[in-house]
């Protein structure tokens, strides 16, 4: 393959895996090079300013994680959104051209079909069927300024558990002496 270079890539067009979508639903096609800020500005404008009830985010290959990030940002900013996630495979066609063709023949092309993971996520202000595979209900909304188990509204939703001694290696454990004569702390036991 060192004499070949990729000249074209195309994705198989697939219908959205959600039945009964309105014909004007907005589909955000997330690509590997897409900027999250640009995607979110457009998507938020569609949902807030234009009053859309549903939006679909889709991405394949290396764009899957960026697609999920966009969905999580939107759920956090808008709140109360129902979600259905569908995972599938998409066929990507790559055409490679030979950089060192035989002198007496035409340039040779190589066509590669790849199956790459793909994700489609539907977000809806309206309730969706909770029995369908991939459904997630909206997260409970908290009032602004309400303290969620000791974490701020902008911070973690759940506090981190306190560290447990049994998770630390024995070499790192420190014992505290109750004796007034001691210096207060001594090194823990070493594993031998």
C-alpha atoms as a PDB file:
ATOM      1  CA  UNK A   1       0.000   0.000   0.000  1.00  0.00           C
ATOM      2  CA  UNK A   2       3.007   2.353   0.183  1.00  0.00           C
ATOM      3  CA  UNK A   3       2.634   3.131  -3.551  1.00  0.00           C
ATOM      4  CA  UNK A   4      -1.041   4.047  -3.213  1.00  0.00           C
ATOM      5  CA  UNK A   5      -2.686   7.253  -2.032  1.00  0.00           C
ATOM      6  CA  UNK A   6      -6.320   7.809  -1.119  1.00  0.00           C
ATOM      7  CA  UNK A   7      -8.056   9.952  -3.745  1.00  0.00           C
ATOM      8  CA  UNK A   8     -11.725   9.712  -2.749  1.00  0.00           C
ATOM      9  CA  UNK A   9     -13.916   8.658   0.177  1.00  0.00           C
ATOM     10  CA  UNK A  10     -17.690   8.370   0.094  1.00  0.00           C
ATOM     11  CA  UNK A  11     -20.232   7.203   2.650  1.00  0.00           C
ATOM     12  CA  UNK A  12     -23.224   5.035   1.953  1.00  0.00           C
ATOM     13  CA  UNK A  13     -26.407   7.089   2.372  1.00  0.00           C
ATOM     14  CA  UNK A  14     -28.758   5.436   4.823  1.00  0.00           C
ATOM     15  CA  UNK A  15     -32.226   6.503   5.955  1.00  0.00           C
ATOM     16  CA  UNK A  16     -32.584   7.587   9.559  1.00  0.00           C
ATOM     17  CA  UNK A  17     -33.453   4.601  11.804  1.00  0.00           C
ATOM     18  CA  UNK A  18     -36.381   6.397  13.495  1.00  0.00           C
ATOM     19  CA  UNK A  19     -39.926   5.818  12.222  1.00  0.00           C
ATOM     20  CA  UNK A  20     -42.516   8.595  12.183  1.00  0.00           C
ATOM     21  CA  UNK A  21     -40.102  11.538  12.066  1.00  0.00           C
ATOM     22  CA  UNK A  22     -41.526  14.783  10.704  1.00  0.00           C
ATOM     23  CA  UNK A  23     -40.259  15.520   7.183  1.00  0.00           C
ATOM     24  CA  UNK A  24     -38.575  18.755   8.290  1.00  0.00           C
ATOM     25  CA  UNK A  25     -36.566  17.218  11.169  1.00  0.00           C
ATOM     26  CA  UNK A  26     -33.066  18.686  11.432  1.00  0.00           C
ATOM     27  CA  UNK A  27     -30.260  16.142  11.021  1.00  0.00           C
ATOM     28  CA  UNK A  28     -26.883  17.244  12.331  1.00  0.00           C
ATOM     29  CA  UNK A  29     -24.308  15.212  10.369  1.00  0.00           C
ATOM     30  CA  UNK A  30     -21.206  15.295  12.542  1.00  0.00           C
ATOM     31  CA  UNK A  31     -17.888  14.772  10.748  1.00  0.00           C
ATOM     32  CA  UNK A  32     -14.443  14.113  12.178  1.00  0.00           C
ATOM     33  CA  UNK A  33     -13.337  17.686  11.403  1.00  0.00           C
ATOM     34  CA  UNK A  34     -16.554  19.392  12.561  1.00  0.00           C
ATOM     35  CA  UNK A  35     -16.210  22.099  15.185  1.00  0.00           C
ATOM     36  CA  UNK A  36     -18.416  21.428  18.209  1.00  0.00           C
ATOM     37  CA  UNK A  37     -19.042  25.163  18.713  1.00  0.00           C
ATOM     38  CA  UNK A  38     -20.412  25.531  15.162  1.00  0.00           C
ATOM     39  CA  UNK A  39     -22.587  22.426  15.467  1.00  0.00           C
ATOM     40  CA  UNK A  40     -24.006  23.534  18.807  1.00  0.00           C
ATOM     41  CA  UNK A  41     -24.697  27.112  17.702  1.00  0.00           C
ATOM     42  CA  UNK A  42     -26.762  25.858  14.770  1.00  0.00           C
ATOM     43  CA  UNK A  43     -28.519  23.084  16.728  1.00  0.00           C
ATOM     44  CA  UNK A  44     -29.401  25.366  19.665  1.00  0.00           C
ATOM     45  CA  UNK A  45     -30.768  27.994  17.265  1.00  0.00           C
ATOM     46  CA  UNK A  46     -32.990  25.355  15.659  1.00  0.00           C
ATOM     47  CA  UNK A  47     -34.353  24.135  18.983  1.00  0.00           C
ATOM     48  CA  UNK A  48     -34.690  27.457  20.802  1.00  0.00           C
ATOM     49  CA  UNK A  49     -35.277  30.133  18.160  1.00  0.00           C
ATOM     50  CA  UNK A  50     -37.137  28.104  15.534  1.00  0.00           C
ATOM     51  CA  UNK A  51     -39.025  26.023  18.106  1.00  0.00           C
ATOM     52  CA  UNK A  52     -38.165  22.606  16.688  1.00  0.00           C
ATOM     53  CA  UNK A  53     -39.472  19.684  18.726  1.00  0.00           C
ATOM     54  CA  UNK A  54     -36.923  17.098  17.570  1.00  0.00           C
ATOM     55  CA  UNK A  55     -33.346  16.970  16.288  1.00  0.00           C
ATOM     56  CA  UNK A  56     -31.121  14.077  15.153  1.00  0.00           C
ATOM     57  CA  UNK A  57     -27.349  13.884  15.554  1.00  0.00           C
ATOM     58  CA  UNK A  58     -25.498  11.325  13.439  1.00  0.00           C
ATOM     59  CA  UNK A  59     -21.855  10.447  12.953  1.00  0.00           C
ATOM     60  CA  UNK A  60     -19.698   7.512  11.931  1.00  0.00           C
ATOM     61  CA  UNK A  61     -16.165   6.285  12.503  1.00  0.00           C
ATOM     62  CA  UNK A  62     -14.016   8.781  14.365  1.00  0.00           C
ATOM     63  CA  UNK A  63     -16.932  11.238  14.595  1.00  0.00           C
ATOM     64  CA  UNK A  64     -18.935   9.003  16.964  1.00  0.00           C
ATOM     65  CA  UNK A  65     -17.443  10.478  20.153  1.00  0.00           C
ATOM     66  CA  UNK A  66     -17.945  14.040  18.876  1.00  0.00           C
ATOM     67  CA  UNK A  67     -21.586  13.173  18.092  1.00  0.00           C
ATOM     68  CA  UNK A  68     -22.144  11.930  21.657  1.00  0.00           C
ATOM     69  CA  UNK A  69     -20.454  15.049  23.065  1.00  0.00           C
ATOM     70  CA  UNK A  70     -22.828  17.315  21.110  1.00  0.00           C
ATOM     71  CA  UNK A  71     -25.854  15.382  22.382  1.00  0.00           C
ATOM     72  CA  UNK A  72     -24.716  15.581  26.011  1.00  0.00           C
ATOM     73  CA  UNK A  73     -24.105  19.344  25.724  1.00  0.00           C
ATOM     74  CA  UNK A  74     -27.576  19.885  24.252  1.00  0.00           C
ATOM     75  CA  UNK A  75     -29.244  17.754  26.945  1.00  0.00           C
ATOM     76  CA  UNK A  76     -27.501  19.762  29.634  1.00  0.00           C
ATOM     77  CA  UNK A  77     -28.316  23.159  28.118  1.00  0.00           C
ATOM     78  CA  UNK A  78     -31.962  22.492  27.264  1.00  0.00           C
ATOM     79  CA  UNK A  79     -32.951  19.834  29.792  1.00  0.00           C
ATOM     80  CA  UNK A  80     -36.090  17.698  29.639  1.00  0.00           C
ATOM     81  CA  UNK A  81     -35.124  15.989  26.365  1.00  0.00           C
ATOM     82  CA  UNK A  82     -36.089  12.396  25.621  1.00  0.00           C
ATOM     83  CA  UNK A  83     -33.398  10.407  23.801  1.00  0.00           C
ATOM     84  CA  UNK A  84     -33.274   7.338  21.559  1.00  0.00           C
ATOM     85  CA  UNK A  85     -29.883   6.007  20.452  1.00  0.00           C
ATOM     86  CA  UNK A  86     -29.358   3.638  17.533  1.00  0.00           C
ATOM     87  CA  UNK A  87     -25.981   2.084  16.740  1.00  0.00           C
ATOM     88  CA  UNK A  88     -25.320   0.463  13.378  1.00  0.00           C
ATOM     89  CA  UNK A  89     -22.638  -0.021  10.740  1.00  0.00           C
ATOM     90  CA  UNK A  90     -22.183   2.133   7.676  1.00  0.00           C
ATOM     91  CA  UNK A  91     -20.244   1.217   4.533  1.00  0.00           C
ATOM     92  CA  UNK A  92     -17.507   3.676   3.555  1.00  0.00           C
ATOM     93  CA  UNK A  93     -15.991   3.409   0.095  1.00  0.00           C
ATOM     94  CA  UNK A  94     -12.340   4.442  -0.345  1.00  0.00           C
ATOM     95  CA  UNK A  95     -10.642   4.752  -3.741  1.00  0.00           C
ATOM     96  CA  UNK A  96      -6.840   4.475  -3.744  1.00  0.00           C
ATOM     97  CA  UNK A  97      -4.695   5.370  -6.760  1.00  0.00           C
ATOM     98  CA  UNK A  98      -1.390   3.694  -7.610  1.00  0.00           C
ATOM     99  CA  UNK A  99       1.398   6.301  -7.530  1.00  0.00           C
ATOM    100  CA  UNK A 100       3.832   4.000  -9.360  1.00  0.00           C
ATOM    101  CA  UNK A 101       1.839   2.507 -12.292  1.00  0.00           C
ATOM    102  CA  UNK A 102       3.483   0.067 -14.685  1.00  0.00           C
ATOM    103  CA  UNK A 103       5.118   1.961 -17.594  1.00  0.00           C
ATOM    104  CA  UNK A 104       3.147   0.175 -20.298  1.00  0.00           C
ATOM    105  CA  UNK A 105      -0.276   0.156 -18.597  1.00  0.00           C
ATOM    106  CA  UNK A 106      -2.941   2.493 -17.248  1.00  0.00           C
ATOM    107  CA  UNK A 107      -2.968   3.768 -13.670  1.00  0.00           C
ATOM    108  CA  UNK A 108      -4.458   1.194 -11.316  1.00  0.00           C
ATOM    109  CA  UNK A 109      -7.074   2.064  -8.747  1.00  0.00           C
ATOM    110  CA  UNK A 110      -7.941   0.036  -5.684  1.00  0.00           C
ATOM    111  CA  UNK A 111     -11.420   0.220  -4.123  1.00  0.00           C
ATOM    112  CA  UNK A 112     -11.813  -0.617  -0.430  1.00  0.00           C
ATOM    113  CA  UNK A 113     -15.173  -1.132   1.297  1.00  0.00           C
ATOM    114  CA  UNK A 114     -15.032  -0.519   5.055  1.00  0.00           C
ATOM    115  CA  UNK A 115     -17.753  -1.153   7.599  1.00  0.00           C
ATOM    116  CA  UNK A 116     -17.453   1.519  10.273  1.00  0.00           C
ATOM    117  CA  UNK A 117     -19.562   2.019  13.404  1.00  0.00           C
ATOM    118  CA  UNK A 118     -22.229   4.674  13.130  1.00  0.00           C
ATOM    119  CA  UNK A 119     -24.519   6.297  15.689  1.00  0.00           C
ATOM    120  CA  UNK A 120     -27.817   8.163  15.338  1.00  0.00           C
ATOM    121  CA  UNK A 121     -29.307   9.929  18.347  1.00  0.00           C
ATOM    122  CA  UNK A 122     -32.793  11.425  18.371  1.00  0.00           C
ATOM    123  CA  UNK A 123     -33.506  14.151  20.930  1.00  0.00           C
ATOM    124  CA  UNK A 124     -37.129  15.143  21.451  1.00  0.00           C
ATOM    125  CA  UNK A 125     -39.025  17.619  23.583  1.00  0.00           C
ATOM    126  CA  UNK A 126     -42.082  15.365  23.189  1.00  0.00           C
ATOM    127  CA  UNK A 127     -42.277  12.017  25.005  1.00  0.00           C
ATOM    128  CA  UNK A 128     -41.041   9.000  23.042  1.00  0.00           C
ATOM    129  CA  UNK A 129     -41.925   5.312  23.403  1.00  0.00           C
ATOM    130  CA  UNK A 130     -40.023   4.173  26.527  1.00  0.00           C
ATOM    131  CA  UNK A 131     -40.209   0.514  25.393  1.00  0.00           C
ATOM    132  CA  UNK A 132     -38.057   0.964  22.295  1.00  0.00           C
ATOM    133  CA  UNK A 133     -34.429  -0.111  22.410  1.00  0.00           C
ATOM    134  CA  UNK A 134     -32.005   2.722  23.134  1.00  0.00           C
ATOM    135  CA  UNK A 135     -34.509   4.965  24.969  1.00  0.00           C
ATOM    136  CA  UNK A 136     -33.297   7.261  27.756  1.00  0.00           C
ATOM    137  CA  UNK A 137     -35.753   9.393  29.754  1.00  0.00           C
ATOM    138  CA  UNK A 138     -34.960  13.033  30.511  1.00  0.00           C
ATOM    139  CA  UNK A 139     -32.774  13.671  33.512  1.00  0.00           C
ATOM    140  CA  UNK A 140     -34.610  15.204  36.477  1.00  0.00           C
ATOM    141  CA  UNK A 141     -34.362  18.969  36.437  1.00  0.00           C
ATOM    142  CA  UNK A 142     -32.898  20.817  39.405  1.00  0.00           C
ATOM    143  CA  UNK A 143     -33.713  24.355  40.338  1.00  0.00           C
ATOM    144  CA  UNK A 144     -30.974  26.895  39.719  1.00  0.00           C
ATOM    145  CA  UNK A 145     -28.724  27.120  42.748  1.00  0.00           C
ATOM    146  CA  UNK A 146     -30.101  23.917  44.255  1.00  0.00           C
ATOM    147  CA  UNK A 147     -27.315  21.902  45.795  1.00  0.00           C
ATOM    148  CA  UNK A 148     -27.207  18.328  44.473  1.00  0.00           C
ATOM    149  CA  UNK A 149     -25.649  16.284  47.272  1.00  0.00           C
ATOM    150  CA  UNK A 150     -22.946  18.796  47.982  1.00  0.00           C
ATOM    151  CA  UNK A 151     -21.945  19.626  44.411  1.00  0.00           C
ATOM    152  CA  UNK A 152     -22.564  22.910  42.680  1.00  0.00           C
ATOM    153  CA  UNK A 153     -25.155  23.222  39.921  1.00  0.00           C
ATOM    154  CA  UNK A 154     -22.380  23.694  37.366  1.00  0.00           C
ATOM    155  CA  UNK A 155     -20.196  20.914  38.756  1.00  0.00           C
ATOM    156  CA  UNK A 156     -20.657  17.228  39.235  1.00  0.00           C
ATOM    157  CA  UNK A 157     -24.095  15.721  39.463  1.00  0.00           C
ATOM    158  CA  UNK A 158     -22.947  13.210  42.048  1.00  0.00           C
ATOM    159  CA  UNK A 159     -20.185  13.775  44.557  1.00  0.00           C
ATOM    160  CA  UNK A 160     -17.144  11.589  44.284  1.00  0.00           C
ATOM    161  CA  UNK A 161     -17.052   8.840  46.911  1.00  0.00           C
ATOM    162  CA  UNK A 162     -14.495   9.284  49.684  1.00  0.00           C
ATOM    163  CA  UNK A 163     -11.240   7.442  49.025  1.00  0.00           C
ATOM    164  CA  UNK A 164     -11.154   4.010  50.586  1.00  0.00           C
ATOM    165  CA  UNK A 165      -7.988   2.712  52.165  1.00  0.00           C
ATOM    166  CA  UNK A 166      -8.303  -0.741  50.641  1.00  0.00           C
ATOM    167  CA  UNK A 167      -7.957   0.814  47.179  1.00  0.00           C
ATOM    168  CA  UNK A 168      -4.516   2.186  48.023  1.00  0.00           C
ATOM    169  CA  UNK A 169      -1.465  -0.094  47.792  1.00  0.00           C
ATOM    170  CA  UNK A 170      -0.126  -1.088  51.204  1.00  0.00           C
ATOM    171  CA  UNK A 171       3.096   0.838  50.536  1.00  0.00           C
ATOM    172  CA  UNK A 172       1.140   4.111  50.341  1.00  0.00           C
ATOM    173  CA  UNK A 173      -0.993   3.647  53.458  1.00  0.00           C
ATOM    174  CA  UNK A 174      -0.083   5.819  56.434  1.00  0.00           C
ATOM    175  CA  UNK A 175      -0.941   5.001  60.034  1.00  0.00           C
ATOM    176  CA  UNK A 176      -1.661   7.694  62.587  1.00  0.00           C
ATOM    177  CA  UNK A 177      -0.398   7.029  66.078  1.00  0.00           C
ATOM    178  CA  UNK A 178      -2.644   7.777  69.077  1.00  0.00           C
ATOM    179  CA  UNK A 179       0.367   7.969  71.362  1.00  0.00           C
ATOM    180  CA  UNK A 180       1.269  11.491  72.548  1.00  0.00           C
ATOM    181  CA  UNK A 181       4.966  10.522  72.526  1.00  0.00           C
ATOM    182  CA  UNK A 182       5.112   9.766  68.800  1.00  0.00           C
ATOM    183  CA  UNK A 183       5.530  12.297  66.058  1.00  0.00           C
ATOM    184  CA  UNK A 184       1.980  11.692  64.943  1.00  0.00           C
ATOM    185  CA  UNK A 185       2.533   9.730  61.763  1.00  0.00           C
ATOM    186  CA  UNK A 186       4.669   6.750  60.912  1.00  0.00           C
ATOM    187  CA  UNK A 187       5.256   4.985  57.643  1.00  0.00           C
ATOM    188  CA  UNK A 188       2.898   2.127  56.926  1.00  0.00           C
ATOM    189  CA  UNK A 189       3.888  -1.473  56.637  1.00  0.00           C
ATOM    190  CA  UNK A 190       5.821  -2.447  53.566  1.00  0.00           C
ATOM    191  CA  UNK A 191       5.039  -5.556  51.533  1.00  0.00           C
ATOM    192  CA  UNK A 192       7.994  -7.932  51.567  1.00  0.00           C
END
